[in-house]
Amino acid sequence: MTNALKTPATDSVRVDLDTLHAAVARCFGLPDEELTAETTFAKDLGADSIDMLGLAVVLEEEFNTLIPDEGLSHIRTMGDVVRLA
């Protein structure tokens, strides 16, 4: 499955959502099958603001994109990350 993720160089790029899912799992050191759309970063994974900045860096590098600060503040669940893509 793919979804559009905006990049600085183009209007959009096709992103494999499995790759997105794997990048988030790798960032938190989890098997990707443990993540669901309802997984919350703070409550379920114990993520703090530094962890979320790390997630943003991983996603930006993995997908050659920029996540605006205001976009990061709205990410609370794995589903939010998928919607961001």
Protein backbone atom coordinates (compact mmCIF):
# COMPACT_ATOMS: atom_id res chain seq x y z
CA MET A 1 0.00 0.00 0.00
CA THR A 2 1.29 3.47 -0.78
CA ASN A 3 0.39 6.96 0.22
CA ALA A 4 1.69 10.40 -0.77
CA LEU A 5 4.22 12.14 1.48
CA LYS A 6 5.21 15.66 0.48
CA THR A 7 8.91 16.37 0.04
CA PRO A 8 10.80 19.63 -0.36
CA ALA A 9 11.90 18.72 -3.87
CA THR A 10 8.61 17.49 -5.33
CA ASP A 11 4.88 17.79 -4.83
CA SER A 12 4.74 14.23 -3.53
CA VAL A 13 6.53 10.91 -3.45
CA ARG A 14 5.02 7.46 -3.19
CA VAL A 15 5.63 5.93 0.24
CA ASP A 16 5.22 2.28 1.08
CA LEU A 17 3.25 2.22 4.33
CA ASP A 18 4.97 -1.02 5.34
CA THR A 19 8.27 0.85 5.16
CA LEU A 20 6.77 3.68 7.22
CA HIS A 21 5.53 1.18 9.79
CA ALA A 22 8.96 -0.52 9.94
CA ALA A 23 10.74 2.82 10.39
CA VAL A 24 8.58 3.67 13.41
CA ALA A 25 9.12 0.21 14.90
CA ARG A 26 12.88 0.52 14.38
CA CYS A 27 12.91 3.95 16.03
CA PHE A 28 11.36 2.50 19.18
CA GLY A 29 13.17 -0.83 19.07
CA LEU A 30 10.03 -2.90 18.61
CA PRO A 31 8.97 -5.67 16.27
CA ASP A 32 6.71 -3.92 13.74
CA GLU A 33 3.89 -6.39 14.38
CA GLU A 34 3.53 -4.87 17.89
CA LEU A 35 2.43 -1.54 16.44
CA THR A 36 -1.20 -0.87 15.59
CA ALA A 37 -2.96 2.29 14.46
CA GLU A 38 -4.11 2.74 18.06
CA THR A 39 -0.62 2.44 19.61
CA THR A 40 0.06 5.66 21.52
CA PHE A 41 3.62 6.89 21.70
CA ALA A 42 3.45 8.39 25.19
CA LYS A 43 1.20 5.90 26.98
CA ASP A 44 2.03 2.62 25.23
CA LEU A 45 5.67 3.25 24.30
CA GLY A 46 6.68 5.70 27.04
CA ALA A 47 7.87 8.24 24.48
CA ASP A 48 8.76 11.75 25.59
CA SER A 49 9.39 14.85 23.49
CA ILE A 50 12.99 13.80 22.80
CA ASP A 51 11.78 10.41 21.52
CA MET A 52 9.30 12.18 19.26
CA LEU A 53 12.05 14.40 17.85
CA GLY A 54 14.04 11.24 17.17
CA LEU A 55 11.03 9.79 15.36
CA ALA A 56 10.76 12.92 13.24
CA VAL A 57 14.46 12.66 12.29
CA VAL A 58 14.07 8.98 11.33
CA LEU A 59 11.01 9.71 9.20
CA GLU A 60 12.62 12.73 7.57
CA GLU A 61 15.72 10.73 6.67
CA GLU A 62 13.85 7.59 5.60
CA PHE A 63 11.48 9.47 3.30
CA ASN A 64 13.52 12.56 2.37
CA THR A 65 10.86 14.87 3.71
CA LEU A 66 10.40 17.64 6.25
CA ILE A 67 8.00 17.33 9.17
CA PRO A 68 7.03 20.79 10.38
CA ASP A 69 7.14 21.38 14.15
CA GLU A 70 3.38 21.88 14.23
CA GLY A 71 2.93 18.52 12.48
CA LEU A 72 5.01 16.76 15.11
CA SER A 73 2.88 18.14 17.93
CA HIS A 74 -0.18 16.37 16.47
CA ILE A 75 1.39 12.91 16.39
CA ARG A 76 0.04 10.90 19.31
CA THR A 77 -0.59 7.47 17.75
CA MET A 78 0.76 5.28 15.00
CA GLY A 79 -2.42 6.16 13.10
CA ASP A 80 -1.40 9.82 13.25
CA VAL A 81 1.91 8.95 11.58
CA VAL A 82 0.09 7.08 8.83
CA ARG A 83 -2.25 10.06 8.29
CA LEU A 84 0.78 12.38 8.16
CA ALA A 85 2.05 10.32 5.23
